[in-house]
Amino acid sequence: QVQPVEPGGGLVQPGASLRLSCAASGRFFSDIAMGWFRQAPGKDRELVASVSWSGGSTYYKESVKGRFTISRDNAKNTVYLQMNSLKPEDTAVYSCAASRYGLASSHDSDFGSWGRGTQVTVSS
């Protein structure tokens, strides 16, 4: 099984950049897609981005396109979320999750094996 761990997060000002990392244990990491989710207070958890097993295809939530980039390094069993031009509306707990499949997905139900999350706060 894949067990994600998400170090990082923190407090940044609007317009700043931040990179999140998700280190996953498990022998099947390179076979499956990975995704980043976020949940703001009082709101439902939402899928932000996902990347296929090889990194060859991606999905992004419309509101983060052009600002966020998801990538992976299978040799390190790690997936990244590079966040640029951060806005206060990006404030949330971010977590990564492993997919049941190998292709990038826009469907929340495709993901399981959740990490515990890290807080990202964007405020002046």
C-alpha atoms as a PDB file:
ATOM      1  CA  GLN A   1       0.000   0.000   0.000  1.00  0.00           C
ATOM      2  CA  VAL A   2       1.011   3.616  -0.589  1.00  0.00           C
ATOM      3  CA  GLN A   3       1.154   5.827   2.521  1.00  0.00           C
ATOM      4  CA  PRO A   4       1.519   9.549   1.718  1.00  0.00           C
ATOM      5  CA  VAL A   5       3.205  12.030   4.072  1.00  0.00           C
ATOM      6  CA  GLU A   6       3.045  15.788   3.352  1.00  0.00           C
ATOM      7  CA  PRO A   7       5.741  17.909   4.978  1.00  0.00           C
ATOM      8  CA  GLY A   8       5.752  21.637   4.328  1.00  0.00           C
ATOM      9  CA  GLY A   9       3.008  24.211   4.344  1.00  0.00           C
ATOM     10  CA  GLY A  10       3.133  27.471   6.225  1.00  0.00           C
ATOM     11  CA  LEU A  11       2.106  31.115   6.245  1.00  0.00           C
ATOM     12  CA  VAL A  12       2.825  33.224   3.146  1.00  0.00           C
ATOM     13  CA  GLN A  13       1.746  36.575   1.749  1.00  0.00           C
ATOM     14  CA  PRO A  14      -0.474  36.971  -1.320  1.00  0.00           C
ATOM     15  CA  GLY A  15       1.541  36.633  -4.514  1.00  0.00           C
ATOM     16  CA  ALA A  16       4.143  34.393  -2.898  1.00  0.00           C
ATOM     17  CA  SER A  17       5.157  30.891  -3.952  1.00  0.00           C
ATOM     18  CA  LEU A  18       5.271  27.650  -2.021  1.00  0.00           C
ATOM     19  CA  ARG A  19       6.152  24.066  -2.879  1.00  0.00           C
ATOM     20  CA  LEU A  20       4.509  21.121  -1.172  1.00  0.00           C
ATOM     21  CA  SER A  21       6.066  17.665  -1.143  1.00  0.00           C
ATOM     22  CA  CYS A  22       4.419  14.323  -0.596  1.00  0.00           C
ATOM     23  CA  ALA A  23       6.664  11.378   0.179  1.00  0.00           C
ATOM     24  CA  ALA A  24       4.953   8.031  -0.236  1.00  0.00           C
ATOM     25  CA  SER A  25       6.012   4.637   0.977  1.00  0.00           C
ATOM     26  CA  GLY A  26       5.079   1.502  -0.867  1.00  0.00           C
ATOM     27  CA  ARG A  27       6.399  -0.583  -3.716  1.00  0.00           C
ATOM     28  CA  PHE A  28       3.643   0.390  -6.168  1.00  0.00           C
ATOM     29  CA  PHE A  29       4.102   4.173  -6.173  1.00  0.00           C
ATOM     30  CA  SER A  30       5.391   4.296  -9.749  1.00  0.00           C
ATOM     31  CA  ASP A  31       2.328   2.392 -11.013  1.00  0.00           C
ATOM     32  CA  ILE A  32      -0.388   4.779  -9.819  1.00  0.00           C
ATOM     33  CA  ALA A  33      -1.593   8.322 -10.311  1.00  0.00           C
ATOM     34  CA  MET A  34      -1.324  10.808  -7.432  1.00  0.00           C
ATOM     35  CA  GLY A  35      -3.463  13.786  -6.528  1.00  0.00           C
ATOM     36  CA  TRP A  36      -3.446  16.903  -4.362  1.00  0.00           C
ATOM     37  CA  PHE A  37      -6.581  17.953  -2.489  1.00  0.00           C
ATOM     38  CA  ARG A  38      -7.459  20.899  -0.292  1.00  0.00           C
ATOM     39  CA  GLN A  39     -10.156  21.729   2.221  1.00  0.00           C
ATOM     40  CA  ALA A  40     -10.919  25.212   3.524  1.00  0.00           C
ATOM     41  CA  PRO A  41     -12.840  25.781   6.779  1.00  0.00           C
ATOM     42  CA  GLY A  42     -16.542  25.211   6.268  1.00  0.00           C
ATOM     43  CA  LYS A  43     -16.082  23.917   2.734  1.00  0.00           C
ATOM     44  CA  ASP A  44     -15.924  20.528   1.069  1.00  0.00           C
ATOM     45  CA  ARG A  45     -12.634  18.932   0.164  1.00  0.00           C
ATOM     46  CA  GLU A  46     -11.783  19.481  -3.492  1.00  0.00           C
ATOM     47  CA  LEU A  47      -9.352  17.969  -5.966  1.00  0.00           C
ATOM     48  CA  VAL A  48      -6.730  20.516  -6.989  1.00  0.00           C
ATOM     49  CA  ALA A  49      -4.506  18.541  -9.350  1.00  0.00           C
ATOM     50  CA  SER A  50      -3.509  15.026 -10.315  1.00  0.00           C
ATOM     51  CA  VAL A  51      -0.697  13.422 -12.279  1.00  0.00           C
ATOM     52  CA  SER A  52      -0.494  10.075 -14.052  1.00  0.00           C
ATOM     53  CA  TRP A  53       1.860   7.293 -13.034  1.00  0.00           C
ATOM     54  CA  SER A  54       4.548   8.447 -15.468  1.00  0.00           C
ATOM     55  CA  GLY A  55       3.967  12.181 -15.120  1.00  0.00           C
ATOM     56  CA  GLY A  56       2.889  12.305 -18.759  1.00  0.00           C
ATOM     57  CA  SER A  57      -0.593  13.696 -18.162  1.00  0.00           C
ATOM     58  CA  THR A  58      -2.124  16.026 -15.595  1.00  0.00           C
ATOM     59  CA  TYR A  59      -5.400  17.488 -14.416  1.00  0.00           C
ATOM     60  CA  TYR A  60      -5.930  20.886 -12.765  1.00  0.00           C
ATOM     61  CA  LYS A  61      -8.876  22.545 -11.117  1.00  0.00           C
ATOM     62  CA  GLU A  62      -9.821  25.545 -13.253  1.00  0.00           C
ATOM     63  CA  SER A  63      -9.081  28.120 -10.555  1.00  0.00           C
ATOM     64  CA  VAL A  64      -5.430  27.027 -10.224  1.00  0.00           C
ATOM     65  CA  LYS A  65      -4.534  26.591 -13.898  1.00  0.00           C
ATOM     66  CA  GLY A  66      -1.496  28.652 -14.821  1.00  0.00           C
ATOM     67  CA  ARG A  67      -0.521  29.057 -11.156  1.00  0.00           C
ATOM     68  CA  PHE A  68      -0.026  25.521  -9.811  1.00  0.00           C
ATOM     69  CA  THR A  69       2.108  22.717 -11.229  1.00  0.00           C
ATOM     70  CA  ILE A  70       1.987  19.088 -10.144  1.00  0.00           C
ATOM     71  CA  SER A  71       4.966  16.828 -10.813  1.00  0.00           C
ATOM     72  CA  ARG A  72       6.515  13.625  -9.541  1.00  0.00           C
ATOM     73  CA  ASP A  73       9.873  11.927  -9.103  1.00  0.00           C
ATOM     74  CA  ASN A  74       9.303   8.198  -9.074  1.00  0.00           C
ATOM     75  CA  ALA A  75      12.913   7.478  -8.119  1.00  0.00           C
ATOM     76  CA  LYS A  76      12.216   9.306  -4.837  1.00  0.00           C
ATOM     77  CA  ASN A  77       8.594   8.163  -4.414  1.00  0.00           C
ATOM     78  CA  THR A  78       7.636  11.831  -4.185  1.00  0.00           C
ATOM     79  CA  VAL A  79       4.975  14.070  -5.731  1.00  0.00           C
ATOM     80  CA  TYR A  80       5.177  17.872  -5.662  1.00  0.00           C
ATOM     81  CA  LEU A  81       2.764  20.767  -5.898  1.00  0.00           C
ATOM     82  CA  GLN A  82       4.400  24.034  -6.926  1.00  0.00           C
ATOM     83  CA  MET A  83       2.075  26.915  -6.055  1.00  0.00           C
ATOM     84  CA  ASN A  84       2.740  30.368  -7.514  1.00  0.00           C
ATOM     85  CA  SER A  85       0.831  33.652  -7.277  1.00  0.00           C
ATOM     86  CA  LEU A  86      -0.942  32.464  -4.161  1.00  0.00           C
ATOM     87  CA  LYS A  87      -4.229  34.087  -3.208  1.00  0.00           C
ATOM     88  CA  PRO A  88      -6.096  34.237   0.112  1.00  0.00           C
ATOM     89  CA  GLU A  89      -8.698  31.898  -1.401  1.00  0.00           C
ATOM     90  CA  ASP A  90      -5.982  29.221  -1.632  1.00  0.00           C
ATOM     91  CA  THR A  91      -5.889  29.000   2.167  1.00  0.00           C
ATOM     92  CA  ALA A  92      -6.702  25.416   3.136  1.00  0.00           C
ATOM     93  CA  VAL A  93      -5.374  22.156   4.466  1.00  0.00           C
ATOM     94  CA  TYR A  94      -3.618  20.435   1.583  1.00  0.00           C
ATOM     95  CA  SER A  95      -3.233  16.684   1.385  1.00  0.00           C
ATOM     96  CA  CYS A  96      -2.108  14.173  -1.190  1.00  0.00           C
ATOM     97  CA  ALA A  97      -3.668  10.855  -2.043  1.00  0.00           C
ATOM     98  CA  ALA A  98      -2.965   7.802  -4.136  1.00  0.00           C
ATOM     99  CA  SER A  99      -5.273   6.834  -6.963  1.00  0.00           C
ATOM    100  CA  ARG A 100      -6.645   3.376  -7.605  1.00  0.00           C
ATOM    101  CA  TYR A 101      -5.583   3.799 -11.232  1.00  0.00           C
ATOM    102  CA  GLY A 102      -2.586   4.856 -13.290  1.00  0.00           C
ATOM    103  CA  LEU A 103      -4.086   7.740 -15.272  1.00  0.00           C
ATOM    104  CA  ALA A 104      -4.611  11.310 -14.119  1.00  0.00           C
ATOM    105  CA  SER A 105      -8.163  11.768 -12.873  1.00  0.00           C
ATOM    106  CA  SER A 106     -10.623  14.568 -12.227  1.00  0.00           C
ATOM    107  CA  HIS A 107     -12.827  12.349 -10.049  1.00  0.00           C
ATOM    108  CA  ASP A 108     -12.497  12.466  -6.265  1.00  0.00           C
ATOM    109  CA  SER A 109     -13.778   8.914  -5.951  1.00  0.00           C
ATOM    110  CA  ASP A 110     -10.735   7.504  -7.760  1.00  0.00           C
ATOM    111  CA  PHE A 111      -8.468   8.342  -4.822  1.00  0.00           C
ATOM    112  CA  GLY A 112      -7.726   6.640  -1.531  1.00  0.00           C
ATOM    113  CA  SER A 113      -4.755   6.102   0.807  1.00  0.00           C
ATOM    114  CA  TRP A 114      -4.919   9.676   2.099  1.00  0.00           C
ATOM    115  CA  GLY A 115      -2.198  11.664   3.782  1.00  0.00           C
ATOM    116  CA  ARG A 116      -2.957  13.676   6.917  1.00  0.00           C
ATOM    117  CA  GLY A 117      -2.521  17.110   5.351  1.00  0.00           C
ATOM    118  CA  THR A 118      -0.566  20.318   5.883  1.00  0.00           C
ATOM    119  CA  GLN A 119      -1.882  23.838   6.505  1.00  0.00           C
ATOM    120  CA  VAL A 120      -1.301  26.533   3.894  1.00  0.00           C
ATOM    121  CA  THR A 121      -2.338  30.049   4.913  1.00  0.00           C
ATOM    122  CA  VAL A 122      -2.175  32.995   2.497  1.00  0.00           C
ATOM    123  CA  SER A 123      -2.606  36.290   4.321  1.00  0.00           C
ATOM    124  CA  SER A 124      -1.098  39.766   4.423  1.00  0.00           C
END
